[in-house]
Amino acid sequence: MINAVIGIGNLLRADDGVGIHVVQRLEDEITGCEAVDMATAGIDLLGHIRGREKVVIVDAIITGSEPGTIHRVSTHEMRSPIFAKTHGLNLHGTLMLGQLLYPDEMPKKLVILGVEIQDITSFSDKLTSNVQRAIPRLIEAIKKEFI
């Protein structure tokens, strides 16, 4: 497959699992696109994005916005610690390492969608209502990235 949607997060930490919930719903909705559950991925992420034309990464984010807000984040913005606050993954560092190691194999289009979360401390596989309500809007935003 040329395109991929990659969900990152911990499914057992409430809203931190939003990326996983999204890819589970997307598996049958976007043709020609692989939906990848990366859980709390680190360097393994590079193996799933190398050689792809387009990649959308969905992750939880904490910025202080209203829970359920969808942020389209640039790699420049990722230098801030907003992604590290959710589950310790340094997404920016992983992507920059990919650029250094595999400059000709990185996706031509890489989009990061961060979903503002409310609860990452509860031991639960359920999303809070605000984050759950954001999933249909998030799926539409993902589909637009592949048009």
C-alpha atoms as a PDB file:
ATOM      1  CA  MET A   1       0.000   0.000   0.000  1.00  0.00           C
ATOM      2  CA  ILE A   2       1.187   3.478  -0.824  1.00  0.00           C
ATOM      3  CA  ASN A   3      -0.738   5.396   1.872  1.00  0.00           C
ATOM      4  CA  ALA A   4      -1.176   4.838   5.606  1.00  0.00           C
ATOM      5  CA  VAL A   5      -3.015   6.198   8.620  1.00  0.00           C
ATOM      6  CA  ILE A   6      -1.087   5.436  11.786  1.00  0.00           C
ATOM      7  CA  GLY A   7      -2.714   5.628  15.193  1.00  0.00           C
ATOM      8  CA  ILE A   8      -0.421   6.129  18.159  1.00  0.00           C
ATOM      9  CA  GLY A   9      -1.410   5.824  21.803  1.00  0.00           C
ATOM     10  CA  ASN A  10      -2.111   3.595  24.749  1.00  0.00           C
ATOM     11  CA  LEU A  11      -5.542   2.012  24.416  1.00  0.00           C
ATOM     12  CA  LEU A  12      -5.725   1.413  28.177  1.00  0.00           C
ATOM     13  CA  ARG A  13      -5.177   5.057  29.215  1.00  0.00           C
ATOM     14  CA  ALA A  14      -8.564   6.503  28.281  1.00  0.00           C
ATOM     15  CA  ASP A  15      -8.175   9.377  25.763  1.00  0.00           C
ATOM     16  CA  ASP A  16      -4.540   8.510  25.054  1.00  0.00           C
ATOM     17  CA  GLY A  17      -5.937   5.674  22.913  1.00  0.00           C
ATOM     18  CA  VAL A  18      -7.748   8.008  20.494  1.00  0.00           C
ATOM     19  CA  GLY A  19      -5.319   7.236  17.650  1.00  0.00           C
ATOM     20  CA  ILE A  20      -5.959   3.506  18.067  1.00  0.00           C
ATOM     21  CA  HIS A  21      -9.745   3.970  18.179  1.00  0.00           C
ATOM     22  CA  VAL A  22      -9.557   5.949  14.929  1.00  0.00           C
ATOM     23  CA  VAL A  23      -7.515   3.396  12.977  1.00  0.00           C
ATOM     24  CA  GLN A  24      -9.795   0.604  14.155  1.00  0.00           C
ATOM     25  CA  ARG A  25     -12.753   2.480  12.640  1.00  0.00           C
ATOM     26  CA  LEU A  26     -10.870   3.432   9.469  1.00  0.00           C
ATOM     27  CA  GLU A  27      -9.776  -0.032   8.366  1.00  0.00           C
ATOM     28  CA  ASP A  28     -12.722  -0.435   5.988  1.00  0.00           C
ATOM     29  CA  GLU A  29     -13.430   3.217   5.214  1.00  0.00           C
ATOM     30  CA  ILE A  30     -10.481   4.337   3.086  1.00  0.00           C
ATOM     31  CA  THR A  31      -9.531   2.240   0.076  1.00  0.00           C
ATOM     32  CA  GLY A  32      -5.894   2.070  -0.935  1.00  0.00           C
ATOM     33  CA  CYS A  33      -4.818   3.070   2.551  1.00  0.00           C
ATOM     34  CA  GLU A  34      -3.506   0.881   5.335  1.00  0.00           C
ATOM     35  CA  ALA A  35      -4.693   1.619   8.875  1.00  0.00           C
ATOM     36  CA  VAL A  36      -1.850   0.858  11.308  1.00  0.00           C
ATOM     37  CA  ASP A  37      -2.190   0.478  15.080  1.00  0.00           C
ATOM     38  CA  MET A  38       1.213   1.486  16.466  1.00  0.00           C
ATOM     39  CA  ALA A  39       0.207   1.668  20.143  1.00  0.00           C
ATOM     40  CA  THR A  40       3.064   3.368  21.997  1.00  0.00           C
ATOM     41  CA  ALA A  41       5.406   3.210  19.031  1.00  0.00           C
ATOM     42  CA  GLY A  42       8.908   4.562  18.963  1.00  0.00           C
ATOM     43  CA  ILE A  43      11.535   3.882  16.361  1.00  0.00           C
ATOM     44  CA  ASP A  44       9.279   1.123  14.922  1.00  0.00           C
ATOM     45  CA  LEU A  45       7.229   3.901  13.392  1.00  0.00           C
ATOM     46  CA  LEU A  46       9.868   4.438  10.705  1.00  0.00           C
ATOM     47  CA  GLY A  47       9.307   0.948   9.329  1.00  0.00           C
ATOM     48  CA  HIS A  48       5.658   1.808   8.719  1.00  0.00           C
ATOM     49  CA  ILE A  49       6.190   5.177   7.035  1.00  0.00           C
ATOM     50  CA  ARG A  50       9.229   4.530   4.845  1.00  0.00           C
ATOM     51  CA  GLY A  51       8.376   4.160   1.182  1.00  0.00           C
ATOM     52  CA  ARG A  52       4.862   5.586   1.567  1.00  0.00           C
ATOM     53  CA  GLU A  53       3.451   8.342  -0.614  1.00  0.00           C
ATOM     54  CA  LYS A  54       1.152   9.866   2.046  1.00  0.00           C
ATOM     55  CA  VAL A  55       0.974   9.237   5.796  1.00  0.00           C
ATOM     56  CA  VAL A  56      -1.374  10.638   8.412  1.00  0.00           C
ATOM     57  CA  ILE A  57      -0.391  10.117  12.039  1.00  0.00           C
ATOM     58  CA  VAL A  58      -3.105  10.438  14.689  1.00  0.00           C
ATOM     59  CA  ASP A  59      -2.039  11.000  18.279  1.00  0.00           C
ATOM     60  CA  ALA A  60      -3.307  12.476  21.524  1.00  0.00           C
ATOM     61  CA  ILE A  61      -2.181  15.998  22.332  1.00  0.00           C
ATOM     62  CA  ILE A  62      -2.336  18.364  25.294  1.00  0.00           C
ATOM     63  CA  THR A  63      -2.324  22.091  24.492  1.00  0.00           C
ATOM     64  CA  GLY A  64      -4.974  23.432  26.828  1.00  0.00           C
ATOM     65  CA  SER A  65      -7.642  23.600  24.119  1.00  0.00           C
ATOM     66  CA  GLU A  66     -11.136  22.196  24.532  1.00  0.00           C
ATOM     67  CA  PRO A  67     -11.044  18.355  24.666  1.00  0.00           C
ATOM     68  CA  GLY A  68     -11.943  16.945  21.256  1.00  0.00           C
ATOM     69  CA  THR A  69     -10.290  19.803  19.345  1.00  0.00           C
ATOM     70  CA  ILE A  70      -8.417  18.527  16.308  1.00  0.00           C
ATOM     71  CA  HIS A  71      -5.035  20.107  15.627  1.00  0.00           C
ATOM     72  CA  ARG A  72      -3.168  19.775  12.332  1.00  0.00           C
ATOM     73  CA  VAL A  73       0.396  19.920  13.621  1.00  0.00           C
ATOM     74  CA  SER A  74       3.490  20.729  11.598  1.00  0.00           C
ATOM     75  CA  THR A  75       6.783  19.017  12.313  1.00  0.00           C
ATOM     76  CA  HIS A  76       8.100  22.438  13.375  1.00  0.00           C
ATOM     77  CA  GLU A  77       5.388  22.707  16.045  1.00  0.00           C
ATOM     78  CA  MET A  78       6.263  19.220  17.255  1.00  0.00           C
ATOM     79  CA  ARG A  79       9.461  20.538  18.816  1.00  0.00           C
ATOM     80  CA  SER A  80       7.365  21.578  21.783  1.00  0.00           C
ATOM     81  CA  PRO A  81       6.687  18.930  24.452  1.00  0.00           C
ATOM     82  CA  ILE A  82       2.947  18.617  23.695  1.00  0.00           C
ATOM     83  CA  PHE A  83       3.242  15.070  22.346  1.00  0.00           C
ATOM     84  CA  ALA A  84       5.612  13.880  25.072  1.00  0.00           C
ATOM     85  CA  LYS A  85       3.036  14.718  27.739  1.00  0.00           C
ATOM     86  CA  THR A  86       0.641  11.989  26.628  1.00  0.00           C
ATOM     87  CA  HIS A  87       2.712   8.802  26.654  1.00  0.00           C
ATOM     88  CA  GLY A  88       6.370   9.661  26.493  1.00  0.00           C
ATOM     89  CA  LEU A  89       6.857   9.141  22.760  1.00  0.00           C
ATOM     90  CA  ASN A  90       9.103  11.712  21.174  1.00  0.00           C
ATOM     91  CA  LEU A  91       7.403  11.748  17.796  1.00  0.00           C
ATOM     92  CA  HIS A  92       9.413  14.723  16.543  1.00  0.00           C
ATOM     93  CA  GLY A  93      12.721  13.018  17.288  1.00  0.00           C
ATOM     94  CA  THR A  94      11.628   9.817  15.566  1.00  0.00           C
ATOM     95  CA  LEU A  95      10.568  11.664  12.420  1.00  0.00           C
ATOM     96  CA  MET A  96      13.763  13.730  12.342  1.00  0.00           C
ATOM     97  CA  LEU A  97      15.807  10.539  12.715  1.00  0.00           C
ATOM     98  CA  GLY A  98      13.896   9.111   9.767  1.00  0.00           C
ATOM     99  CA  GLN A  99      14.821  12.159   7.693  1.00  0.00           C
ATOM    100  CA  LEU A 100      18.479  11.682   8.570  1.00  0.00           C
ATOM    101  CA  LEU A 101      18.610   7.911   8.016  1.00  0.00           C
ATOM    102  CA  TYR A 102      16.186   7.531   5.096  1.00  0.00           C
ATOM    103  CA  PRO A 103      15.871  10.910   3.362  1.00  0.00           C
ATOM    104  CA  ASP A 104      14.744   9.392   0.034  1.00  0.00           C
ATOM    105  CA  GLU A 105      12.258   6.988   1.633  1.00  0.00           C
ATOM    106  CA  MET A 106      10.241   9.310   3.858  1.00  0.00           C
ATOM    107  CA  PRO A 107       6.665  10.142   2.776  1.00  0.00           C
ATOM    108  CA  LYS A 108       6.167  12.989   0.329  1.00  0.00           C
ATOM    109  CA  LYS A 109       3.213  14.101   2.448  1.00  0.00           C
ATOM    110  CA  LEU A 110       3.258  13.605   6.216  1.00  0.00           C
ATOM    111  CA  VAL A 111       0.362  14.983   8.251  1.00  0.00           C
ATOM    112  CA  ILE A 112       0.070  14.847  12.023  1.00  0.00           C
ATOM    113  CA  LEU A 113      -3.386  15.215  13.521  1.00  0.00           C
ATOM    114  CA  GLY A 114      -3.429  15.713  17.261  1.00  0.00           C
ATOM    115  CA  VAL A 115      -6.642  15.300  19.199  1.00  0.00           C
ATOM    116  CA  GLU A 116      -6.926  17.374  22.353  1.00  0.00           C
ATOM    117  CA  ILE A 117      -7.528  14.971  25.202  1.00  0.00           C
ATOM    118  CA  GLN A 118      -9.153  15.241  28.601  1.00  0.00           C
ATOM    119  CA  ASP A 119      -8.192  12.106  30.555  1.00  0.00           C
ATOM    120  CA  ILE A 120      -5.005  10.058  30.281  1.00  0.00           C
ATOM    121  CA  THR A 121      -4.777   8.989  33.904  1.00  0.00           C
ATOM    122  CA  SER A 122      -7.745   6.608  34.091  1.00  0.00           C
ATOM    123  CA  PHE A 123      -7.146   2.939  33.424  1.00  0.00           C
ATOM    124  CA  SER A 124      -9.862   2.539  30.788  1.00  0.00           C
ATOM    125  CA  ASP A 125     -10.297   1.598  27.148  1.00  0.00           C
ATOM    126  CA  LYS A 126     -13.133   4.139  26.840  1.00  0.00           C
ATOM    127  CA  LEU A 127     -12.730   7.667  25.512  1.00  0.00           C
ATOM    128  CA  THR A 128     -14.269  10.640  27.280  1.00  0.00           C
ATOM    129  CA  SER A 129     -17.431  11.936  25.591  1.00  0.00           C
ATOM    130  CA  ASN A 130     -15.762  15.039  24.074  1.00  0.00           C
ATOM    131  CA  VAL A 131     -12.996  12.982  22.476  1.00  0.00           C
ATOM    132  CA  GLN A 132     -15.448  10.291  21.336  1.00  0.00           C
ATOM    133  CA  ARG A 133     -17.580  12.957  19.610  1.00  0.00           C
ATOM    134  CA  ALA A 134     -14.490  14.205  17.747  1.00  0.00           C
ATOM    135  CA  ILE A 135     -13.891  10.879  15.968  1.00  0.00           C
ATOM    136  CA  PRO A 136     -16.326  11.440  13.037  1.00  0.00           C
ATOM    137  CA  ARG A 137     -14.770  14.891  12.387  1.00  0.00           C
ATOM    138  CA  LEU A 138     -11.309  13.353  12.651  1.00  0.00           C
ATOM    139  CA  ILE A 139     -12.190  10.621  10.139  1.00  0.00           C
ATOM    140  CA  GLU A 140     -13.464  13.257   7.701  1.00  0.00           C
ATOM    141  CA  ALA A 141     -10.261  15.281   8.156  1.00  0.00           C
ATOM    142  CA  ILE A 142      -8.202  12.150   7.436  1.00  0.00           C
ATOM    143  CA  LYS A 143     -10.212  11.346   4.304  1.00  0.00           C
ATOM    144  CA  LYS A 144      -9.626  14.892   3.000  1.00  0.00           C
ATOM    145  CA  GLU A 145      -5.871  14.384   3.328  1.00  0.00           C
ATOM    146  CA  PHE A 146      -6.047  11.516   0.820  1.00  0.00           C
ATOM    147  CA  ILE A 147      -8.186  13.265  -1.819  1.00  0.00           C
END
